[in-house]
Amino acid sequence: MPSKLGWVRLFTALGLVLFIAYLAYTNPFSVILEAGRLNPWLYALAVAVDMVGLLFLAGSWHVLLRAMGARLSLWRTAQVTLTGLFVVFLFPVPSGFEIVRAYLVKDEEGLDLGKAVSSVVVSKVYYFVAFSALVLAAAFVVTVLRGGVILIQPMLVWLVVAYAALNTLVLSVLLSPRLLSRLYDGSPGWVRRRLLDRLYNPELGLGGFNGFLDEMSRAREALRRRPAASLLSVLMSGLHWGSGALTTYLVALSLGEPISIWVVILIYGVVEFIQQLNVVIPSGLGVVDAGLTGALSATGVPLGVAAAISLLTRLATYWLELVVCGLVSLRLGYGDALRNITK
């Protein structure tokens, strides 16, 4: 049976095979290398926008942590955020980003496990709220205000919105201590012992599952007293997600292919949907690239140019982020924790 690291290597190799096959089919290099095609200054701006988006991602979580009484600096929150991203770049497990962040901050001053878990769940809810709002706004502008049509499959756009809304609903339910308590009371004994009780193990001197629920209740009450923090978090989540779409828009401009920013938001929403569904190949290597190329082609962008936009966008939003997040994770003392995860 392969180790976790072995599975990562296997699925990464599969992703590389898909990526190479995608490159062979689309041949985007001919467009990129065409004389005068790429505007380096616009592309540098696209990369900068994506990096600023990472700060908005950290900031959206940071304001929630502070509202719950945490004593973390913004720089510390950014370190943990980048470390969480680095892990999920390698291990595309559902909610892996949230699990890593909660684990790394649970012992910080002013925090406990209940607050840590609540903060990342609320952060995820706000992310989906902002995501849904931007996609719906883009669909409204394209179809109503501009009288156009959604050139990519309209049903796919609504599926993306429904997916985000469903996630928001499920995560909101998980934030209800009363419902979680009912789930615990109605669970079989073996589920309590092997799963729920281990969340806050009494044998380690912790308060057990009920203690965890009490901490979650206090965290929710802290957020209710500071509604401005929630609004700011939603806004920053929207700016983070929007930075990815803006990066794609600027990359297209750098190749001399202007596309409406509202159309790009719809395209990026579909790509985000593909990325969220991926639980096998690290960062959807090859799969997301092909999905972005296909969505751009559906709007009338020539295949070669669409592939070039996809390649350069992923260079900024995946490969460069992977390097930055990896350096932060390994140089700031998380090397041992990451090695334990891969055992």
C-alpha atoms as a PDB file:
ATOM      1  CA  MET A   1       0.000   0.000   0.000  1.00  0.00           C
ATOM      2  CA  PRO A   2       1.618   3.300  -1.034  1.00  0.00           C
ATOM      3  CA  SER A   3       2.274   5.937   1.630  1.00  0.00           C
ATOM      4  CA  LYS A   4       0.594   9.327   1.452  1.00  0.00           C
ATOM      5  CA  LEU A   5       3.715  10.656  -0.243  1.00  0.00           C
ATOM      6  CA  GLY A   6       3.570   7.750  -2.696  1.00  0.00           C
ATOM      7  CA  TRP A   7      -0.016   8.589  -3.628  1.00  0.00           C
ATOM      8  CA  VAL A   8       0.947  12.237  -4.089  1.00  0.00           C
ATOM      9  CA  ARG A   9       3.752  11.238  -6.452  1.00  0.00           C
ATOM     10  CA  LEU A  10       1.461   8.898  -8.370  1.00  0.00           C
ATOM     11  CA  PHE A  11      -1.321  11.446  -8.875  1.00  0.00           C
ATOM     12  CA  THR A  12       1.156  14.225  -9.602  1.00  0.00           C
ATOM     13  CA  ALA A  13       2.677  12.044 -12.319  1.00  0.00           C
ATOM     14  CA  LEU A  14      -0.824  11.453 -13.716  1.00  0.00           C
ATOM     15  CA  GLY A  15      -1.445  15.189 -13.695  1.00  0.00           C
ATOM     16  CA  LEU A  16       1.846  15.828 -15.510  1.00  0.00           C
ATOM     17  CA  VAL A  17       0.878  13.290 -18.174  1.00  0.00           C
ATOM     18  CA  LEU A  18      -2.456  15.046 -18.678  1.00  0.00           C
ATOM     19  CA  PHE A  19      -0.697  18.422 -18.728  1.00  0.00           C
ATOM     20  CA  ILE A  20       1.806  17.283 -21.382  1.00  0.00           C
ATOM     21  CA  ALA A  21      -1.000  15.807 -23.484  1.00  0.00           C
ATOM     22  CA  TYR A  22      -2.892  19.096 -23.180  1.00  0.00           C
ATOM     23  CA  LEU A  23       0.187  21.085 -24.292  1.00  0.00           C
ATOM     24  CA  ALA A  24       0.768  18.755 -27.228  1.00  0.00           C
ATOM     25  CA  TYR A  25      -2.822  19.205 -28.388  1.00  0.00           C
ATOM     26  CA  THR A  26      -3.080  22.994 -28.029  1.00  0.00           C
ATOM     27  CA  ASN A  27       0.543  24.100 -28.691  1.00  0.00           C
ATOM     28  CA  PRO A  28       0.242  27.456 -26.878  1.00  0.00           C
ATOM     29  CA  PHE A  29       3.988  28.150 -27.117  1.00  0.00           C
ATOM     30  CA  SER A  30       3.658  29.275 -30.723  1.00  0.00           C
ATOM     31  CA  VAL A  31       1.407  32.120 -29.567  1.00  0.00           C
ATOM     32  CA  ILE A  32       3.540  33.071 -26.549  1.00  0.00           C
ATOM     33  CA  LEU A  33       6.739  33.118 -28.598  1.00  0.00           C
ATOM     34  CA  GLU A  34       5.226  35.141 -31.414  1.00  0.00           C
ATOM     35  CA  ALA A  35       7.181  38.400 -31.726  1.00  0.00           C
ATOM     36  CA  GLY A  36       5.580  41.230 -29.763  1.00  0.00           C
ATOM     37  CA  ARG A  37       2.654  39.074 -28.636  1.00  0.00           C
ATOM     38  CA  LEU A  38       3.264  39.144 -24.882  1.00  0.00           C
ATOM     39  CA  ASN A  39       3.341  42.473 -23.051  1.00  0.00           C
ATOM     40  CA  PRO A  40       5.738  41.768 -20.136  1.00  0.00           C
ATOM     41  CA  TRP A  41       4.585  44.760 -18.095  1.00  0.00           C
ATOM     42  CA  LEU A  42       0.940  43.742 -18.226  1.00  0.00           C
ATOM     43  CA  TYR A  43       1.894  40.187 -17.340  1.00  0.00           C
ATOM     44  CA  ALA A  44       3.999  41.399 -14.396  1.00  0.00           C
ATOM     45  CA  LEU A  45       0.949  43.368 -13.234  1.00  0.00           C
ATOM     46  CA  ALA A  46      -1.164  40.193 -13.496  1.00  0.00           C
ATOM     47  CA  VAL A  47       1.320  38.323 -11.284  1.00  0.00           C
ATOM     48  CA  ALA A  48       1.340  41.184  -8.767  1.00  0.00           C
ATOM     49  CA  VAL A  49      -2.477  41.203  -8.636  1.00  0.00           C
ATOM     50  CA  ASP A  50      -2.505  37.480  -7.899  1.00  0.00           C
ATOM     51  CA  MET A  51       0.009  37.884  -5.060  1.00  0.00           C
ATOM     52  CA  VAL A  52      -2.023  40.724  -3.551  1.00  0.00           C
ATOM     53  CA  GLY A  53      -4.996  38.366  -3.705  1.00  0.00           C
ATOM     54  CA  LEU A  54      -3.171  36.040  -1.307  1.00  0.00           C
ATOM     55  CA  LEU A  55      -2.968  38.892   1.198  1.00  0.00           C
ATOM     56  CA  PHE A  56      -6.726  39.442   0.871  1.00  0.00           C
ATOM     57  CA  LEU A  57      -7.223  35.724   1.546  1.00  0.00           C
ATOM     58  CA  ALA A  58      -5.181  35.962   4.734  1.00  0.00           C
ATOM     59  CA  GLY A  59      -6.873  39.222   5.693  1.00  0.00           C
ATOM     60  CA  SER A  60     -10.388  37.782   5.313  1.00  0.00           C
ATOM     61  CA  TRP A  61      -9.538  35.124   7.906  1.00  0.00           C
ATOM     62  CA  HIS A  62      -7.493  37.454  10.105  1.00  0.00           C
ATOM     63  CA  VAL A  63     -10.395  39.801  10.866  1.00  0.00           C
ATOM     64  CA  LEU A  64     -12.468  36.803  12.021  1.00  0.00           C
ATOM     65  CA  LEU A  65      -9.678  35.559  14.274  1.00  0.00           C
ATOM     66  CA  ARG A  66      -9.274  38.983  15.835  1.00  0.00           C
ATOM     67  CA  ALA A  67     -13.024  39.279  16.359  1.00  0.00           C
ATOM     68  CA  MET A  68     -12.893  35.986  18.275  1.00  0.00           C
ATOM     69  CA  GLY A  69     -10.190  37.298  20.584  1.00  0.00           C
ATOM     70  CA  ALA A  70      -7.083  35.845  18.925  1.00  0.00           C
ATOM     71  CA  ARG A  71      -3.766  37.607  19.456  1.00  0.00           C
ATOM     72  CA  LEU A  72      -2.245  36.917  16.050  1.00  0.00           C
ATOM     73  CA  SER A  73      -0.440  39.419  13.877  1.00  0.00           C
ATOM     74  CA  LEU A  74      -1.470  39.730  10.248  1.00  0.00           C
ATOM     75  CA  TRP A  75       1.945  38.395   9.245  1.00  0.00           C
ATOM     76  CA  ARG A  76       1.436  35.283  11.387  1.00  0.00           C
ATOM     77  CA  THR A  77      -1.995  34.732   9.829  1.00  0.00           C
ATOM     78  CA  ALA A  78      -0.456  35.118   6.369  1.00  0.00           C
ATOM     79  CA  GLN A  79       2.216  32.527   7.219  1.00  0.00           C
ATOM     80  CA  VAL A  80      -0.400  29.979   8.286  1.00  0.00           C
ATOM     81  CA  THR A  81      -2.557  30.767   5.237  1.00  0.00           C
ATOM     82  CA  LEU A  82       0.319  30.200   2.805  1.00  0.00           C
ATOM     83  CA  THR A  83       1.256  26.984   4.613  1.00  0.00           C
ATOM     84  CA  GLY A  84      -2.320  25.731   4.273  1.00  0.00           C
ATOM     85  CA  LEU A  85      -2.281  26.526   0.569  1.00  0.00           C
ATOM     86  CA  PHE A  86       1.020  24.680   0.132  1.00  0.00           C
ATOM     87  CA  VAL A  87      -0.418  21.542   1.733  1.00  0.00           C
ATOM     88  CA  VAL A  88      -3.563  21.525  -0.430  1.00  0.00           C
ATOM     89  CA  PHE A  89      -1.455  22.135  -3.527  1.00  0.00           C
ATOM     90  CA  LEU A  90       0.067  18.727  -2.736  1.00  0.00           C
ATOM     91  CA  PHE A  91      -2.935  17.004  -1.122  1.00  0.00           C
ATOM     92  CA  PRO A  92      -6.234  17.989  -2.818  1.00  0.00           C
ATOM     93  CA  VAL A  93      -8.447  16.688   0.000  1.00  0.00           C
ATOM     94  CA  PRO A  94     -11.835  18.284   0.726  1.00  0.00           C
ATOM     95  CA  SER A  95     -11.505  21.087   3.304  1.00  0.00           C
ATOM     96  CA  GLY A  96      -7.783  20.371   3.622  1.00  0.00           C
ATOM     97  CA  PHE A  97      -7.034  24.094   3.633  1.00  0.00           C
ATOM     98  CA  GLU A  98      -9.373  24.652   6.566  1.00  0.00           C
ATOM     99  CA  ILE A  99      -8.068  21.630   8.510  1.00  0.00           C
ATOM    100  CA  VAL A 100      -4.443  22.750   8.243  1.00  0.00           C
ATOM    101  CA  ARG A 101      -5.191  26.331   9.256  1.00  0.00           C
ATOM    102  CA  ALA A 102      -7.281  25.311  12.281  1.00  0.00           C
ATOM    103  CA  TYR A 103      -4.591  22.856  13.407  1.00  0.00           C
ATOM    104  CA  LEU A 104      -1.787  25.414  13.168  1.00  0.00           C
ATOM    105  CA  VAL A 105      -3.533  28.182  15.146  1.00  0.00           C
ATOM    106  CA  LYS A 106      -5.505  26.233  17.761  1.00  0.00           C
ATOM    107  CA  ASP A 107      -2.851  26.785  20.450  1.00  0.00           C
ATOM    108  CA  GLU A 108      -2.277  30.481  19.736  1.00  0.00           C
ATOM    109  CA  GLU A 109      -2.992  33.047  22.456  1.00  0.00           C
ATOM    110  CA  GLY A 110      -6.692  33.766  22.722  1.00  0.00           C
ATOM    111  CA  LEU A 111      -7.687  30.696  20.718  1.00  0.00           C
ATOM    112  CA  ASP A 112      -8.847  27.143  21.345  1.00  0.00           C
ATOM    113  CA  LEU A 113      -9.939  24.340  19.055  1.00  0.00           C
ATOM    114  CA  GLY A 114     -13.551  25.498  18.965  1.00  0.00           C
ATOM    115  CA  LYS A 115     -12.604  29.026  17.938  1.00  0.00           C
ATOM    116  CA  ALA A 116     -10.036  27.785  15.426  1.00  0.00           C
ATOM    117  CA  VAL A 117     -12.532  25.458  13.727  1.00  0.00           C
ATOM    118  CA  SER A 118     -15.290  28.083  13.822  1.00  0.00           C
ATOM    119  CA  SER A 119     -13.016  30.683  12.254  1.00  0.00           C
ATOM    120  CA  VAL A 120     -12.108  28.524   9.250  1.00  0.00           C
ATOM    121  CA  VAL A 121     -15.678  27.291   8.726  1.00  0.00           C
ATOM    122  CA  VAL A 122     -17.056  30.850   8.837  1.00  0.00           C
ATOM    123  CA  SER A 123     -14.248  31.928   6.512  1.00  0.00           C
ATOM    124  CA  LYS A 124     -15.270  29.200   4.065  1.00  0.00           C
ATOM    125  CA  VAL A 125     -18.933  30.233   4.261  1.00  0.00           C
ATOM    126  CA  TYR A 126     -18.027  33.848   3.525  1.00  0.00           C
ATOM    127  CA  TYR A 127     -15.852  32.709   0.623  1.00  0.00           C
ATOM    128  CA  PHE A 128     -18.788  30.926  -1.006  1.00  0.00           C
ATOM    129  CA  VAL A 129     -21.091  33.897  -0.329  1.00  0.00           C
ATOM    130  CA  ALA A 130     -18.657  36.241  -2.099  1.00  0.00           C
ATOM    131  CA  PHE A 131     -18.079  33.716  -4.879  1.00  0.00           C
ATOM    132  CA  SER A 132     -21.824  33.311  -5.538  1.00  0.00           C
ATOM    133  CA  ALA A 133     -22.408  37.077  -5.480  1.00  0.00           C
ATOM    134  CA  LEU A 134     -19.685  37.754  -8.050  1.00  0.00           C
ATOM    135  CA  VAL A 135     -20.821  35.004 -10.429  1.00  0.00           C
ATOM    136  CA  LEU A 136     -24.474  36.106 -10.194  1.00  0.00           C
ATOM    137  CA  ALA A 137     -23.477  39.750 -10.724  1.00  0.00           C
ATOM    138  CA  ALA A 138     -21.455  38.801 -13.790  1.00  0.00           C
ATOM    139  CA  ALA A 139     -24.328  36.745 -15.222  1.00  0.00           C
ATOM    140  CA  PHE A 140     -26.732  39.675 -14.630  1.00  0.00           C
ATOM    141  CA  VAL A 141     -24.425  42.195 -16.332  1.00  0.00           C
ATOM    142  CA  VAL A 142     -23.768  39.961 -19.355  1.00  0.00           C
ATOM    143  CA  THR A 143     -27.356  38.831 -19.962  1.00  0.00           C
ATOM    144  CA  VAL A 144     -29.504  41.733 -18.689  1.00  0.00           C
ATOM    145  CA  LEU A 145     -27.540  44.975 -18.737  1.00  0.00           C
ATOM    146  CA  ARG A 146     -25.612  44.211 -21.912  1.00  0.00           C
ATOM    147  CA  GLY A 147     -28.228  42.032 -23.590  1.00  0.00           C
ATOM    148  CA  GLY A 148     -25.667  39.370 -24.424  1.00  0.00           C
ATOM    149  CA  VAL A 149     -25.670  35.615 -24.013  1.00  0.00           C
ATOM    150  CA  ILE A 150     -23.570  33.359 -21.820  1.00  0.00           C
ATOM    151  CA  LEU A 151     -21.471  31.625 -24.451  1.00  0.00           C
ATOM    152  CA  ILE A 152     -20.340  28.903 -22.087  1.00  0.00           C
ATOM    153  CA  GLN A 153     -23.111  26.497 -21.083  1.00  0.00           C
ATOM    154  CA  PRO A 154     -25.631  28.575 -19.049  1.00  0.00           C
ATOM    155  CA  MET A 155     -26.652  25.454 -17.130  1.00  0.00           C
ATOM    156  CA  LEU A 156     -23.040  25.053 -16.014  1.00  0.00           C
ATOM    157  CA  VAL A 157     -23.018  28.611 -14.650  1.00  0.00           C
ATOM    158  CA  TRP A 158     -26.158  27.963 -12.609  1.00  0.00           C
ATOM    159  CA  LEU A 159     -24.691  24.651 -11.452  1.00  0.00           C
ATOM    160  CA  VAL A 160     -21.672  26.569 -10.165  1.00  0.00           C
ATOM    161  CA  VAL A 161     -23.935  28.977  -8.252  1.00  0.00           C
ATOM    162  CA  ALA A 162     -26.018  26.083  -6.872  1.00  0.00           C
ATOM    163  CA  TYR A 163     -22.829  24.324  -5.762  1.00  0.00           C
ATOM    164  CA  ALA A 164     -21.641  27.413  -3.894  1.00  0.00           C
ATOM    165  CA  ALA A 165     -25.081  27.916  -2.306  1.00  0.00           C
ATOM    166  CA  LEU A 166     -25.223  24.261  -1.205  1.00  0.00           C
ATOM    167  CA  ASN A 167     -21.788  24.486   0.376  1.00  0.00           C
ATOM    168  CA  THR A 168     -22.811  27.654   2.178  1.00  0.00           C
ATOM    169  CA  LEU A 169     -25.928  25.934   3.541  1.00  0.00           C
ATOM    170  CA  VAL A 170     -24.059  22.805   4.706  1.00  0.00           C
ATOM    171  CA  LEU A 171     -21.272  24.778   6.354  1.00  0.00           C
ATOM    172  CA  SER A 172     -23.804  27.061   8.042  1.00  0.00           C
ATOM    173  CA  VAL A 173     -25.484  23.993   9.541  1.00  0.00           C
ATOM    174  CA  LEU A 174     -22.123  22.791  10.856  1.00  0.00           C
ATOM    175  CA  LEU A 175     -21.780  26.116  12.669  1.00  0.00           C
ATOM    176  CA  SER A 176     -24.897  25.367  14.730  1.00  0.00           C
ATOM    177  CA  PRO A 177     -23.860  23.827  18.090  1.00  0.00           C
ATOM    178  CA  ARG A 178     -27.462  22.718  18.689  1.00  0.00           C
ATOM    179  CA  LEU A 179     -27.624  20.722  15.462  1.00  0.00           C
ATOM    180  CA  LEU A 180     -24.166  19.275  16.044  1.00  0.00           C
ATOM    181  CA  SER A 181     -25.238  18.241  19.532  1.00  0.00           C
ATOM    182  CA  ARG A 182     -28.246  16.417  18.082  1.00  0.00           C
ATOM    183  CA  LEU A 183     -25.962  14.739  15.551  1.00  0.00           C
ATOM    184  CA  TYR A 184     -23.689  13.605  18.375  1.00  0.00           C
ATOM    185  CA  ASP A 185     -26.539  12.311  20.541  1.00  0.00           C
ATOM    186  CA  GLY A 186     -28.067  10.416  17.631  1.00  0.00           C
ATOM    187  CA  SER A 187     -24.827   8.829  16.450  1.00  0.00           C
ATOM    188  CA  PRO A 188     -23.952   5.181  17.188  1.00  0.00           C
ATOM    189  CA  GLY A 189     -21.506   4.608  20.029  1.00  0.00           C
ATOM    190  CA  TRP A 190     -18.673   3.551  17.726  1.00  0.00           C
ATOM    191  CA  VAL A 191     -19.037   6.773  15.709  1.00  0.00           C
ATOM    192  CA  ARG A 192     -18.756   8.833  18.891  1.00  0.00           C
ATOM    193  CA  ARG A 193     -15.699   6.947  20.150  1.00  0.00           C
ATOM    194  CA  ARG A 194     -13.781   6.671  16.888  1.00  0.00           C
ATOM    195  CA  LEU A 195     -14.652   9.967  15.254  1.00  0.00           C
ATOM    196  CA  LEU A 196     -16.469  12.653  17.221  1.00  0.00           C
ATOM    197  CA  ASP A 197     -14.818  12.133  20.625  1.00  0.00           C
ATOM    198  CA  ARG A 198     -11.377  12.223  19.030  1.00  0.00           C
ATOM    199  CA  LEU A 199     -12.040  15.767  17.877  1.00  0.00           C
ATOM    200  CA  TYR A 200     -11.468  17.001  21.420  1.00  0.00           C
ATOM    201  CA  ASN A 201     -10.139  13.927  23.208  1.00  0.00           C
ATOM    202  CA  PRO A 202     -10.910  13.938  26.975  1.00  0.00           C
ATOM    203  CA  GLU A 203      -7.950  11.594  27.517  1.00  0.00           C
ATOM    204  CA  LEU A 204      -5.680  14.482  26.579  1.00  0.00           C
ATOM    205  CA  GLY A 205      -7.238  16.698  29.219  1.00  0.00           C
ATOM    206  CA  LEU A 206      -9.580  18.393  26.744  1.00  0.00           C
ATOM    207  CA  GLY A 207     -13.284  18.924  27.201  1.00  0.00           C
ATOM    208  CA  GLY A 208     -14.637  16.253  24.871  1.00  0.00           C
ATOM    209  CA  PHE A 209     -17.116  16.917  22.078  1.00  0.00           C
ATOM    210  CA  ASN A 210     -19.464  18.892  24.321  1.00  0.00           C
ATOM    211  CA  GLY A 211     -16.565  21.104  25.373  1.00  0.00           C
ATOM    212  CA  PHE A 212     -15.806  21.689  21.707  1.00  0.00           C
ATOM    213  CA  LEU A 213     -19.444  22.729  21.132  1.00  0.00           C
ATOM    214  CA  ASP A 214     -19.268  25.183  24.044  1.00  0.00           C
ATOM    215  CA  GLU A 215     -16.180  26.799  22.511  1.00  0.00           C
ATOM    216  CA  MET A 216     -17.924  27.041  19.137  1.00  0.00           C
ATOM    217  CA  SER A 217     -20.887  28.756  20.808  1.00  0.00           C
ATOM    218  CA  ARG A 218     -18.611  31.353  22.372  1.00  0.00           C
ATOM    219  CA  ALA A 219     -16.895  31.925  19.024  1.00  0.00           C
ATOM    220  CA  ARG A 220     -20.235  32.516  17.265  1.00  0.00           C
ATOM    221  CA  GLU A 221     -21.333  34.912  19.993  1.00  0.00           C
ATOM    222  CA  ALA A 222     -18.096  36.881  19.578  1.00  0.00           C
ATOM    223  CA  LEU A 223     -18.811  37.289  15.860  1.00  0.00           C
ATOM    224  CA  ARG A 224     -22.394  38.389  16.505  1.00  0.00           C
ATOM    225  CA  ARG A 225     -21.075  41.238  18.630  1.00  0.00           C
ATOM    226  CA  ARG A 226     -18.833  42.447  15.786  1.00  0.00           C
ATOM    227  CA  PRO A 227     -20.863  42.419  12.538  1.00  0.00           C
ATOM    228  CA  ALA A 228     -18.383  44.794  10.885  1.00  0.00           C
ATOM    229  CA  ALA A 229     -15.742  42.062  11.043  1.00  0.00           C
ATOM    230  CA  SER A 230     -18.033  39.699   9.129  1.00  0.00           C
ATOM    231  CA  LEU A 231     -18.766  42.301   6.453  1.00  0.00           C
ATOM    232  CA  LEU A 232     -15.066  43.070   6.051  1.00  0.00           C
ATOM    233  CA  SER A 233     -14.265  39.363   5.801  1.00  0.00           C
ATOM    234  CA  VAL A 234     -16.851  38.866   3.030  1.00  0.00           C
ATOM    235  CA  LEU A 235     -15.461  41.869   1.166  1.00  0.00           C
ATOM    236  CA  MET A 236     -11.887  40.585   1.401  1.00  0.00           C
ATOM    237  CA  SER A 237     -13.001  37.109   0.299  1.00  0.00           C
ATOM    238  CA  GLY A 238     -14.573  38.696  -2.765  1.00  0.00           C
ATOM    239  CA  LEU A 239     -11.398  40.671  -3.477  1.00  0.00           C
ATOM    240  CA  HIS A 240      -9.344  37.491  -3.149  1.00  0.00           C
ATOM    241  CA  TRP A 241     -11.533  35.528  -5.552  1.00  0.00           C
ATOM    242  CA  GLY A 242     -11.841  38.495  -7.881  1.00  0.00           C
ATOM    243  CA  SER A 243      -8.048  38.834  -8.014  1.00  0.00           C
ATOM    244  CA  GLY A 244      -7.867  35.457  -9.738  1.00  0.00           C
ATOM    245  CA  ALA A 245     -10.362  36.551 -12.382  1.00  0.00           C
ATOM    246  CA  LEU A 246      -8.555  39.886 -12.770  1.00  0.00           C
ATOM    247  CA  THR A 247      -5.271  38.015 -13.231  1.00  0.00           C
ATOM    248  CA  THR A 248      -6.813  36.042 -16.107  1.00  0.00           C
ATOM    249  CA  TYR A 249      -8.204  39.260 -17.605  1.00  0.00           C
ATOM    250  CA  LEU A 250      -4.780  40.951 -17.493  1.00  0.00           C
ATOM    251  CA  VAL A 251      -3.050  37.887 -18.950  1.00  0.00           C
ATOM    252  CA  ALA A 252      -5.470  37.992 -21.887  1.00  0.00           C
ATOM    253  CA  LEU A 253      -4.721  41.695 -22.360  1.00  0.00           C
ATOM    254  CA  SER A 254      -0.976  40.992 -22.249  1.00  0.00           C
ATOM    255  CA  LEU A 255      -1.475  38.692 -25.252  1.00  0.00           C
ATOM    256  CA  GLY A 256      -3.540  41.259 -27.135  1.00  0.00           C
ATOM    257  CA  GLU A 257      -6.840  39.443 -26.571  1.00  0.00           C
ATOM    258  CA  PRO A 258      -9.243  41.749 -24.668  1.00  0.00           C
ATOM    259  CA  ILE A 259     -12.123  39.930 -22.996  1.00  0.00           C
ATOM    260  CA  SER A 260     -14.898  41.484 -20.918  1.00  0.00           C
ATOM    261  CA  ILE A 261     -14.049  41.233 -17.223  1.00  0.00           C
ATOM    262  CA  TRP A 262     -17.599  40.040 -16.566  1.00  0.00           C
ATOM    263  CA  VAL A 263     -17.188  37.189 -19.031  1.00  0.00           C
ATOM    264  CA  VAL A 264     -13.865  36.340 -17.400  1.00  0.00           C
ATOM    265  CA  ILE A 265     -15.581  36.171 -13.990  1.00  0.00           C
ATOM    266  CA  LEU A 266     -18.072  33.647 -15.398  1.00  0.00           C
ATOM    267  CA  ILE A 267     -15.247  31.628 -16.919  1.00  0.00           C
ATOM    268  CA  TYR A 268     -13.252  31.737 -13.707  1.00  0.00           C
ATOM    269  CA  GLY A 269     -16.313  30.610 -11.772  1.00  0.00           C
ATOM    270  CA  VAL A 270     -16.541  27.474 -13.921  1.00  0.00           C
ATOM    271  CA  VAL A 271     -12.827  26.808 -13.466  1.00  0.00           C
ATOM    272  CA  GLU A 272     -13.183  27.274  -9.695  1.00  0.00           C
ATOM    273  CA  PHE A 273     -16.002  24.732  -9.766  1.00  0.00           C
ATOM    274  CA  ILE A 274     -13.733  22.224 -11.517  1.00  0.00           C
ATOM    275  CA  GLN A 275     -10.985  22.912  -8.998  1.00  0.00           C
ATOM    276  CA  GLN A 276     -13.318  22.412  -6.023  1.00  0.00           C
ATOM    277  CA  LEU A 277     -14.514  19.056  -7.355  1.00  0.00           C
ATOM    278  CA  ASN A 278     -10.979  17.772  -7.867  1.00  0.00           C
ATOM    279  CA  VAL A 279      -9.903  15.501  -4.989  1.00  0.00           C
ATOM    280  CA  VAL A 280      -7.306  13.403  -6.800  1.00  0.00           C
ATOM    281  CA  ILE A 281      -4.785  15.329  -8.891  1.00  0.00           C
ATOM    282  CA  PRO A 282      -2.810  18.005  -7.008  1.00  0.00           C
ATOM    283  CA  SER A 283      -4.234  21.420  -7.963  1.00  0.00           C
ATOM    284  CA  GLY A 284      -6.049  19.849 -10.921  1.00  0.00           C
ATOM    285  CA  LEU A 285      -2.828  19.763 -12.919  1.00  0.00           C
ATOM    286  CA  GLY A 286      -3.767  19.376 -16.571  1.00  0.00           C
ATOM    287  CA  VAL A 287      -7.494  19.211 -15.813  1.00  0.00           C
ATOM    288  CA  VAL A 288      -7.950  22.857 -14.763  1.00  0.00           C
ATOM    289  CA  ASP A 289      -5.660  24.007 -17.587  1.00  0.00           C
ATOM    290  CA  ALA A 290      -7.798  22.219 -20.166  1.00  0.00           C
ATOM    291  CA  GLY A 291     -11.008  23.482 -18.532  1.00  0.00           C
ATOM    292  CA  LEU A 292      -9.857  27.105 -18.666  1.00  0.00           C
ATOM    293  CA  THR A 293      -8.763  26.716 -22.287  1.00  0.00           C
ATOM    294  CA  GLY A 294     -12.092  25.169 -23.248  1.00  0.00           C
ATOM    295  CA  ALA A 295     -14.105  27.887 -21.498  1.00  0.00           C
ATOM    296  CA  LEU A 296     -12.093  30.634 -23.201  1.00  0.00           C
ATOM    297  CA  SER A 297     -12.486  28.926 -26.597  1.00  0.00           C
ATOM    298  CA  ALA A 298     -16.253  28.761 -26.061  1.00  0.00           C
ATOM    299  CA  THR A 299     -16.321  32.576 -25.934  1.00  0.00           C
ATOM    300  CA  GLY A 300     -14.646  32.855 -29.357  1.00  0.00           C
ATOM    301  CA  VAL A 301     -10.973  33.065 -28.367  1.00  0.00           C
ATOM    302  CA  PRO A 302      -8.802  31.090 -30.854  1.00  0.00           C
ATOM    303  CA  LEU A 303      -7.631  27.777 -29.391  1.00  0.00           C
ATOM    304  CA  GLY A 304      -3.925  28.618 -29.469  1.00  0.00           C
ATOM    305  CA  VAL A 305      -4.468  31.976 -27.784  1.00  0.00           C
ATOM    306  CA  ALA A 306      -6.851  30.434 -25.237  1.00  0.00           C
ATOM    307  CA  ALA A 307      -4.220  27.824 -24.382  1.00  0.00           C
ATOM    308  CA  ALA A 308      -1.570  30.520 -24.008  1.00  0.00           C
ATOM    309  CA  ILE A 309      -3.822  32.531 -21.671  1.00  0.00           C
ATOM    310  CA  SER A 310      -4.488  29.386 -19.649  1.00  0.00           C
ATOM    311  CA  LEU A 311      -0.798  28.476 -19.451  1.00  0.00           C
ATOM    312  CA  LEU A 312       0.292  31.943 -18.324  1.00  0.00           C
ATOM    313  CA  THR A 313      -2.610  32.270 -15.886  1.00  0.00           C
ATOM    314  CA  ARG A 314      -1.731  28.971 -14.249  1.00  0.00           C
ATOM    315  CA  LEU A 315       1.910  30.011 -14.104  1.00  0.00           C
ATOM    316  CA  ALA A 316       0.847  32.974 -11.961  1.00  0.00           C
ATOM    317  CA  THR A 317      -1.969  31.381  -9.945  1.00  0.00           C
ATOM    318  CA  TYR A 318      -0.427  27.951  -9.343  1.00  0.00           C
ATOM    319  CA  TRP A 319       3.270  27.515 -10.084  1.00  0.00           C
ATOM    320  CA  LEU A 320       4.472  30.850  -8.660  1.00  0.00           C
ATOM    321  CA  GLU A 321       2.100  30.517  -5.697  1.00  0.00           C
ATOM    322  CA  LEU A 322       3.443  27.012  -5.082  1.00  0.00           C
ATOM    323  CA  VAL A 323       7.006  28.363  -4.896  1.00  0.00           C
ATOM    324  CA  VAL A 324       6.068  31.259  -2.602  1.00  0.00           C
ATOM    325  CA  CYS A 325       3.926  29.111  -0.295  1.00  0.00           C
ATOM    326  CA  GLY A 326       6.551  26.369  -0.191  1.00  0.00           C
ATOM    327  CA  LEU A 327       9.323  28.788   0.771  1.00  0.00           C
ATOM    328  CA  VAL A 328       7.200  30.324   3.538  1.00  0.00           C
ATOM    329  CA  SER A 329       6.169  26.894   4.858  1.00  0.00           C
ATOM    330  CA  LEU A 330       9.665  25.418   4.955  1.00  0.00           C
ATOM    331  CA  ARG A 331      11.625  28.488   6.054  1.00  0.00           C
ATOM    332  CA  LEU A 332       9.316  29.427   8.918  1.00  0.00           C
ATOM    333  CA  GLY A 333       9.472  26.160  10.826  1.00  0.00           C
ATOM    334  CA  TYR A 334       6.685  24.073   9.305  1.00  0.00           C
ATOM    335  CA  GLY A 335       8.965  21.524   7.653  1.00  0.00           C
ATOM    336  CA  ASP A 336       8.507  18.922  10.410  1.00  0.00           C
ATOM    337  CA  ALA A 337       4.726  19.314  10.398  1.00  0.00           C
ATOM    338  CA  LEU A 338       4.594  18.882   6.635  1.00  0.00           C
ATOM    339  CA  ARG A 339       6.823  15.787   6.804  1.00  0.00           C
ATOM    340  CA  ASN A 340       4.450  14.256   9.376  1.00  0.00           C
ATOM    341  CA  ILE A 341       1.537  14.778   7.018  1.00  0.00           C
ATOM    342  CA  THR A 342       3.282  12.869   4.210  1.00  0.00           C
ATOM    343  CA  LYS A 343       4.118   9.808   6.325  1.00  0.00           C
END
